[in-house]
Amino acid sequence: MDPSISESEASQVIEIKWGDRWQVYRRLQELEIPCHCKTDQPLRAEIDNVTALIQIWSILRQLTLPRQELISWLDDCWQLPSKRRKERL
């Protein structure tokens, strides 16, 4: 099952493997993103701002991408020059 977010009236359904739902739910709770997950029901989250959307995207990415791809992505991030570093050069 590919992770995706589909529209609903009050909240968004996060489609993810059933075994990963509670891990995502707990992380959303830690980030104080309103969500609920009942037995045999999909995980639902209220995405009311861009920050919440990016945080959910990041959580799903961590669960679904192979470890090596995540390591490569992080290495690439460390290689990007920051604005502060450019000013020193």
C-alpha atoms as a PDB file:
ATOM      1  CA  MET A   1       0.000   0.000   0.000  1.00  0.00           C
ATOM      2  CA  ASP A   2       1.513   3.335  -1.020  1.00  0.00           C
ATOM      3  CA  PRO A   3       1.313   6.028   1.633  1.00  0.00           C
ATOM      4  CA  SER A   4      -0.910   8.849   0.511  1.00  0.00           C
ATOM      5  CA  ILE A   5      -3.253  11.401   1.934  1.00  0.00           C
ATOM      6  CA  SER A   6      -6.818  11.583   0.633  1.00  0.00           C
ATOM      7  CA  GLU A   7      -9.393  14.280   1.288  1.00  0.00           C
ATOM      8  CA  SER A   8     -12.236  14.075   3.776  1.00  0.00           C
ATOM      9  CA  GLU A   9     -14.492  16.769   5.236  1.00  0.00           C
ATOM     10  CA  ALA A  10     -12.981  17.288   8.716  1.00  0.00           C
ATOM     11  CA  SER A  11      -9.715  15.388   8.510  1.00  0.00           C
ATOM     12  CA  GLN A  12      -7.424  13.529   6.158  1.00  0.00           C
ATOM     13  CA  VAL A  13      -7.129   9.767   5.930  1.00  0.00           C
ATOM     14  CA  ILE A  14      -3.513   8.653   5.929  1.00  0.00           C
ATOM     15  CA  GLU A  15      -3.232   5.459   3.925  1.00  0.00           C
ATOM     16  CA  ILE A  16      -0.365   3.417   5.304  1.00  0.00           C
ATOM     17  CA  LYS A  17       0.295  -0.220   6.151  1.00  0.00           C
ATOM     18  CA  TRP A  18      -1.886  -1.328   9.047  1.00  0.00           C
ATOM     19  CA  GLY A  19       1.177  -2.396  11.016  1.00  0.00           C
ATOM     20  CA  ASP A  20       2.641   1.124  10.830  1.00  0.00           C
ATOM     21  CA  ARG A  21      -0.508   3.013  11.846  1.00  0.00           C
ATOM     22  CA  TRP A  22       0.162   3.089  15.592  1.00  0.00           C
ATOM     23  CA  GLN A  23       3.770   4.178  15.152  1.00  0.00           C
ATOM     24  CA  VAL A  24       2.638   7.072  12.944  1.00  0.00           C
ATOM     25  CA  TYR A  25      -0.199   7.853  15.372  1.00  0.00           C
ATOM     26  CA  ARG A  26       2.182   8.076  18.342  1.00  0.00           C
ATOM     27  CA  ARG A  27       4.576  10.320  16.405  1.00  0.00           C
ATOM     28  CA  LEU A  28       1.728  12.630  15.371  1.00  0.00           C
ATOM     29  CA  GLN A  29       0.694  12.827  19.029  1.00  0.00           C
ATOM     30  CA  GLU A  30       4.268  13.785  19.987  1.00  0.00           C
ATOM     31  CA  LEU A  31       4.177  16.550  17.369  1.00  0.00           C
ATOM     32  CA  GLU A  32       0.773  17.678  18.691  1.00  0.00           C
ATOM     33  CA  ILE A  33      -0.919  17.096  15.345  1.00  0.00           C
ATOM     34  CA  PRO A  34      -4.579  16.236  16.054  1.00  0.00           C
ATOM     35  CA  CYS A  35      -5.252  12.663  14.955  1.00  0.00           C
ATOM     36  CA  HIS A  36      -7.215   9.562  15.847  1.00  0.00           C
ATOM     37  CA  CYS A  37      -6.833   5.886  15.087  1.00  0.00           C
ATOM     38  CA  LYS A  38      -9.442   3.336  16.125  1.00  0.00           C
ATOM     39  CA  THR A  39      -9.232  -0.436  15.872  1.00  0.00           C
ATOM     40  CA  ASP A  40      -9.860  -1.600  12.293  1.00  0.00           C
ATOM     41  CA  GLN A  41     -10.211   2.015  11.128  1.00  0.00           C
ATOM     42  CA  PRO A  42      -7.803   4.142   9.088  1.00  0.00           C
ATOM     43  CA  LEU A  43      -5.566   6.714  10.719  1.00  0.00           C
ATOM     44  CA  ARG A  44      -6.996  10.224  10.432  1.00  0.00           C
ATOM     45  CA  ALA A  45      -5.129  13.471  10.987  1.00  0.00           C
ATOM     46  CA  GLU A  46      -6.140  17.109  10.889  1.00  0.00           C
ATOM     47  CA  ILE A  47      -3.803  18.898   8.524  1.00  0.00           C
ATOM     48  CA  ASP A  48      -4.562  22.562   8.983  1.00  0.00           C
ATOM     49  CA  ASN A  49      -1.211  24.096   8.052  1.00  0.00           C
ATOM     50  CA  VAL A  50       1.818  23.512   5.862  1.00  0.00           C
ATOM     51  CA  THR A  51       4.031  22.591   8.813  1.00  0.00           C
ATOM     52  CA  ALA A  52       1.750  19.696   9.777  1.00  0.00           C
ATOM     53  CA  LEU A  53       1.691  18.512   6.163  1.00  0.00           C
ATOM     54  CA  ILE A  54       5.493  18.519   5.938  1.00  0.00           C
ATOM     55  CA  GLN A  55       5.814  16.723   9.275  1.00  0.00           C
ATOM     56  CA  ILE A  56       3.420  14.002   8.123  1.00  0.00           C
ATOM     57  CA  TRP A  57       5.276  13.721   4.819  1.00  0.00           C
ATOM     58  CA  SER A  58       8.533  13.288   6.734  1.00  0.00           C
ATOM     59  CA  ILE A  59       7.095  10.606   9.035  1.00  0.00           C
ATOM     60  CA  LEU A  60       5.727   8.620   6.087  1.00  0.00           C
ATOM     61  CA  ARG A  61       8.997   9.001   4.206  1.00  0.00           C
ATOM     62  CA  GLN A  62      10.972   7.600   7.153  1.00  0.00           C
ATOM     63  CA  LEU A  63       8.717   4.544   7.291  1.00  0.00           C
ATOM     64  CA  THR A  64       8.501   3.789   3.582  1.00  0.00           C
ATOM     65  CA  LEU A  65      11.893   4.558   2.028  1.00  0.00           C
ATOM     66  CA  PRO A  66      14.783   2.102   2.213  1.00  0.00           C
ATOM     67  CA  ARG A  67      17.371   2.995   4.855  1.00  0.00           C
ATOM     68  CA  GLN A  68      20.112   3.522   2.253  1.00  0.00           C
ATOM     69  CA  GLU A  69      17.971   6.044   0.380  1.00  0.00           C
ATOM     70  CA  LEU A  70      17.355   7.977   3.616  1.00  0.00           C
ATOM     71  CA  ILE A  71      21.086   7.966   4.375  1.00  0.00           C
ATOM     72  CA  SER A  72      21.868   9.237   0.885  1.00  0.00           C
ATOM     73  CA  TRP A  73      19.251  11.987   1.200  1.00  0.00           C
ATOM     74  CA  LEU A  74      20.687  13.077   4.558  1.00  0.00           C
ATOM     75  CA  ASP A  75      24.225  13.080   3.156  1.00  0.00           C
ATOM     76  CA  ASP A  76      23.032  15.297   0.293  1.00  0.00           C
ATOM     77  CA  CYS A  77      21.466  17.707   2.791  1.00  0.00           C
ATOM     78  CA  TRP A  78      24.785  18.027   4.631  1.00  0.00           C
ATOM     79  CA  GLN A  79      26.481  18.910   1.338  1.00  0.00           C
ATOM     80  CA  LEU A  80      24.158  21.824   0.531  1.00  0.00           C
ATOM     81  CA  PRO A  81      25.871  25.151   1.203  1.00  0.00           C
ATOM     82  CA  SER A  82      24.067  27.271   3.749  1.00  0.00           C
ATOM     83  CA  LYS A  83      23.549  30.999   3.334  1.00  0.00           C
ATOM     84  CA  ARG A  84      25.771  31.645   6.368  1.00  0.00           C
ATOM     85  CA  ARG A  85      28.543  29.462   4.926  1.00  0.00           C
ATOM     86  CA  LYS A  86      28.337  31.317   1.589  1.00  0.00           C
ATOM     87  CA  GLU A  87      28.726  34.664   3.376  1.00  0.00           C
ATOM     88  CA  ARG A  88      31.961  33.467   5.020  1.00  0.00           C
ATOM     89  CA  LEU A  89      33.502  32.397   1.704  1.00  0.00           C
END
